[in-house]
Amino acid sequence: MEVQAMTVIAVALILGLAAIGTAIGFGLLGGKFLESAARQPELTPMLQTKLFIIAGLLDVIAMIGVAVAFILLYANPYA
């Protein structure tokens, strides 16, 4: 019973930290994009392409965390 309780706490921490990390990452990414686009408007299309690539990679990191959390929740190797 204690293993299940600790697993639920671990899953909650993983999901919460993944959400917070993604939100902070997107905030920094968007802010830096707007700064660089304001400084050099002629580079905006190239910067936008790179923005979307980095945003996709940032989402992948969060989804890996969610996958690990669900594996722990539904197929717990410690239970």
N, C-alpha and C. Protein backbone atom coordinates (compact mmCIF):
# COMPACT_ATOMS: atom_id res chain seq x y z
N MET A 1 0.81 -1.19 0.00
CA MET A 1 0.00 0.00 0.00
C MET A 1 0.86 1.26 0.00
N GLU A 2 1.99 1.19 0.70
CA GLU A 2 2.88 2.36 0.75
C GLU A 2 3.53 2.63 -0.60
N VAL A 3 3.81 1.57 -1.35
CA VAL A 3 4.41 1.73 -2.68
C VAL A 3 3.43 2.43 -3.61
N GLN A 4 2.16 2.08 -3.53
CA GLN A 4 1.15 2.74 -4.37
C GLN A 4 1.01 4.21 -4.02
N ALA A 5 1.05 4.53 -2.73
CA ALA A 5 0.93 5.92 -2.31
C ALA A 5 2.12 6.74 -2.80
N MET A 6 3.29 6.20 -2.68
CA MET A 6 4.49 6.90 -3.15
C MET A 6 4.50 7.03 -4.67
N THR A 7 3.94 6.03 -5.36
CA THR A 7 3.85 6.10 -6.81
C THR A 7 2.92 7.23 -7.24
N VAL A 8 1.81 7.38 -6.56
CA VAL A 8 0.87 8.46 -6.89
C VAL A 8 1.53 9.82 -6.66
N ILE A 9 2.28 9.95 -5.58
CA ILE A 9 2.99 11.20 -5.31
C ILE A 9 4.04 11.46 -6.40
N ALA A 10 4.76 10.43 -6.80
CA ALA A 10 5.77 10.58 -7.85
C ALA A 10 5.13 10.99 -9.17
N VAL A 11 4.00 10.39 -9.51
CA VAL A 11 3.30 10.73 -10.75
C VAL A 11 2.84 12.18 -10.71
N ALA A 12 2.31 12.61 -9.58
CA ALA A 12 1.86 13.99 -9.46
C ALA A 12 3.03 14.97 -9.61
N LEU A 13 4.17 14.64 -9.01
CA LEU A 13 5.35 15.49 -9.14
C LEU A 13 5.85 15.53 -10.59
N ILE A 14 5.88 14.39 -11.24
CA ILE A 14 6.35 14.35 -12.63
C ILE A 14 5.45 15.19 -13.52
N LEU A 15 4.14 15.03 -13.39
CA LEU A 15 3.21 15.78 -14.23
C LEU A 15 3.26 17.28 -13.93
N GLY A 16 3.35 17.61 -12.66
CA GLY A 16 3.41 19.02 -12.29
C GLY A 16 4.68 19.70 -12.77
N LEU A 17 5.81 19.04 -12.58
CA LEU A 17 7.07 19.62 -13.02
C LEU A 17 7.16 19.70 -14.55
N ALA A 18 6.58 18.73 -15.23
CA ALA A 18 6.56 18.78 -16.70
C ALA A 18 5.73 19.97 -17.18
N ALA A 19 4.60 20.20 -16.53
CA ALA A 19 3.75 21.33 -16.92
C ALA A 19 4.42 22.66 -16.62
N ILE A 20 5.03 22.78 -15.45
CA ILE A 20 5.70 24.03 -15.08
C ILE A 20 6.90 24.29 -15.99
N GLY A 21 7.69 23.25 -16.24
CA GLY A 21 8.85 23.41 -17.11
C GLY A 21 8.48 23.80 -18.53
N THR A 22 7.43 23.20 -19.04
CA THR A 22 6.98 23.54 -20.39
C THR A 22 6.46 24.96 -20.46
N ALA A 23 5.71 25.38 -19.44
CA ALA A 23 5.18 26.74 -19.42
C ALA A 23 6.31 27.77 -19.36
N ILE A 24 7.30 27.53 -18.52
CA ILE A 24 8.43 28.45 -18.42
C ILE A 24 9.21 28.46 -19.74
N GLY A 25 9.42 27.29 -20.32
CA GLY A 25 10.14 27.21 -21.59
C GLY A 25 9.44 27.94 -22.71
N PHE A 26 8.13 27.78 -22.82
CA PHE A 26 7.39 28.48 -23.86
C PHE A 26 7.38 29.98 -23.62
N GLY A 27 7.32 30.39 -22.37
CA GLY A 27 7.36 31.82 -22.07
C GLY A 27 8.69 32.44 -22.48
N LEU A 28 9.78 31.79 -22.12
CA LEU A 28 11.10 32.29 -22.51
C LEU A 28 11.29 32.26 -24.02
N LEU A 29 10.83 31.19 -24.65
CA LEU A 29 10.98 31.05 -26.09
C LEU A 29 10.21 32.14 -26.83
N GLY A 30 8.97 32.37 -26.42
CA GLY A 30 8.17 33.40 -27.07
C GLY A 30 8.73 34.79 -26.84
N GLY A 31 9.21 35.06 -25.64
CA GLY A 31 9.78 36.36 -25.35
C GLY A 31 11.03 36.64 -26.18
N LYS A 32 11.90 35.65 -26.26
CA LYS A 32 13.12 35.83 -27.05
C LYS A 32 12.82 35.97 -28.54
N PHE A 33 11.79 35.25 -29.00
CA PHE A 33 11.41 35.38 -30.41
C PHE A 33 10.91 36.79 -30.70
N LEU A 34 10.06 37.32 -29.82
CA LEU A 34 9.55 38.67 -30.04
C LEU A 34 10.67 39.71 -29.98
N GLU A 35 11.62 39.53 -29.06
CA GLU A 35 12.75 40.46 -28.99
C GLU A 35 13.57 40.44 -30.27
N SER A 36 13.87 39.24 -30.74
CA SER A 36 14.72 39.14 -31.93
C SER A 36 13.97 39.59 -33.19
N ALA A 37 12.67 39.34 -33.25
CA ALA A 37 11.90 39.79 -34.41
C ALA A 37 11.76 41.31 -34.41
N ALA A 38 11.71 41.93 -33.23
CA ALA A 38 11.62 43.38 -33.16
C ALA A 38 12.95 44.03 -33.54
N ARG A 39 14.06 43.36 -33.21
CA ARG A 39 15.37 43.92 -33.55
C ARG A 39 15.66 43.83 -35.05
N GLN A 40 15.34 42.66 -35.63
CA GLN A 40 15.62 42.46 -37.06
C GLN A 40 14.39 41.85 -37.73
N PRO A 41 13.46 42.70 -38.17
CA PRO A 41 12.21 42.19 -38.77
C PRO A 41 12.43 41.37 -40.04
N GLU A 42 13.53 41.61 -40.74
CA GLU A 42 13.76 40.87 -41.99
C GLU A 42 14.10 39.40 -41.74
N LEU A 43 14.48 39.05 -40.53
CA LEU A 43 14.80 37.66 -40.20
C LEU A 43 13.63 36.90 -39.58
N THR A 44 12.47 37.53 -39.50
CA THR A 44 11.33 36.92 -38.83
C THR A 44 10.93 35.56 -39.42
N PRO A 45 10.85 35.38 -40.75
CA PRO A 45 10.48 34.04 -41.25
C PRO A 45 11.45 32.94 -40.83
N MET A 46 12.74 33.22 -40.88
CA MET A 46 13.73 32.22 -40.47
C MET A 46 13.62 31.94 -38.97
N LEU A 47 13.43 33.00 -38.19
CA LEU A 47 13.29 32.83 -36.74
C LEU A 47 12.02 32.08 -36.38
N GLN A 48 10.96 32.32 -37.14
CA GLN A 48 9.70 31.63 -36.87
C GLN A 48 9.82 30.14 -37.13
N THR A 49 10.53 29.78 -38.17
CA THR A 49 10.76 28.35 -38.45
C THR A 49 11.51 27.70 -37.30
N LYS A 50 12.55 28.36 -36.83
CA LYS A 50 13.32 27.82 -35.71
C LYS A 50 12.49 27.78 -34.43
N LEU A 51 11.61 28.77 -34.26
CA LEU A 51 10.72 28.80 -33.10
C LEU A 51 9.83 27.56 -33.07
N PHE A 52 9.26 27.21 -34.20
CA PHE A 52 8.37 26.04 -34.24
C PHE A 52 9.13 24.74 -34.03
N ILE A 53 10.35 24.65 -34.52
CA ILE A 53 11.15 23.44 -34.30
C ILE A 53 11.46 23.28 -32.81
N ILE A 54 11.90 24.36 -32.18
CA ILE A 54 12.22 24.31 -30.76
C ILE A 54 10.97 24.06 -29.93
N ALA A 55 9.83 24.65 -30.32
CA ALA A 55 8.58 24.42 -29.59
C ALA A 55 8.18 22.94 -29.67
N GLY A 56 8.37 22.32 -30.81
CA GLY A 56 8.09 20.89 -30.94
C GLY A 56 8.98 20.05 -30.05
N LEU A 57 10.25 20.39 -29.99
CA LEU A 57 11.17 19.65 -29.12
C LEU A 57 10.84 19.87 -27.65
N LEU A 58 10.40 21.06 -27.31
CA LEU A 58 10.01 21.35 -25.94
C LEU A 58 8.78 20.55 -25.54
N ASP A 59 7.85 20.40 -26.47
CA ASP A 59 6.66 19.58 -26.20
C ASP A 59 7.03 18.11 -26.04
N VAL A 60 7.97 17.64 -26.82
CA VAL A 60 8.37 16.24 -26.75
C VAL A 60 8.92 15.89 -25.37
N ILE A 61 9.69 16.80 -24.80
CA ILE A 61 10.26 16.55 -23.47
C ILE A 61 9.14 16.39 -22.44
N ALA A 62 8.12 17.25 -22.53
CA ALA A 62 6.99 17.14 -21.60
C ALA A 62 6.21 15.84 -21.84
N MET A 63 6.04 15.45 -23.09
CA MET A 63 5.29 14.22 -23.38
C MET A 63 6.05 12.98 -22.89
N ILE A 64 7.36 13.01 -22.93
CA ILE A 64 8.14 11.89 -22.38
C ILE A 64 7.89 11.78 -20.88
N GLY A 65 7.84 12.92 -20.20
CA GLY A 65 7.53 12.92 -18.78
C GLY A 65 6.15 12.37 -18.49
N VAL A 66 5.18 12.74 -19.31
CA VAL A 66 3.82 12.22 -19.14
C VAL A 66 3.79 10.71 -19.39
N ALA A 67 4.52 10.25 -20.39
CA ALA A 67 4.56 8.81 -20.67
C ALA A 67 5.17 8.03 -19.52
N VAL A 68 6.26 8.54 -18.96
CA VAL A 68 6.89 7.88 -17.81
C VAL A 68 5.93 7.86 -16.62
N ALA A 69 5.22 8.96 -16.41
CA ALA A 69 4.27 9.03 -15.30
C ALA A 69 3.15 7.99 -15.47
N PHE A 70 2.63 7.87 -16.68
CA PHE A 70 1.56 6.90 -16.89
C PHE A 70 2.07 5.46 -16.81
N ILE A 71 3.30 5.23 -17.23
CA ILE A 71 3.86 3.89 -17.07
C ILE A 71 3.97 3.55 -15.59
N LEU A 72 4.44 4.50 -14.80
CA LEU A 72 4.52 4.26 -13.36
C LEU A 72 3.14 4.06 -12.74
N LEU A 73 2.16 4.78 -13.25
CA LEU A 73 0.82 4.70 -12.67
C LEU A 73 0.11 3.39 -13.02
N TYR A 74 0.20 2.97 -14.27
CA TYR A 74 -0.59 1.81 -14.71
C TYR A 74 0.21 0.51 -14.82
N ALA A 75 1.50 0.58 -14.99
CA ALA A 75 2.31 -0.64 -15.10
C ALA A 75 3.49 -0.51 -14.14
N ASN A 76 3.21 -0.32 -12.90
CA ASN A 76 4.23 -0.04 -11.91
C ASN A 76 5.15 -1.26 -11.73
N PRO A 77 6.44 -1.11 -12.01
CA PRO A 77 7.35 -2.23 -11.85
C PRO A 77 7.68 -2.53 -10.38
N TYR A 78 7.35 -1.60 -9.49
CA TYR A 78 7.67 -1.78 -8.08
C TYR A 78 6.54 -2.39 -7.27
N ALA A 79 5.35 -2.49 -7.86
CA ALA A 79 4.20 -3.02 -7.11
C ALA A 79 4.14 -4.53 -7.21
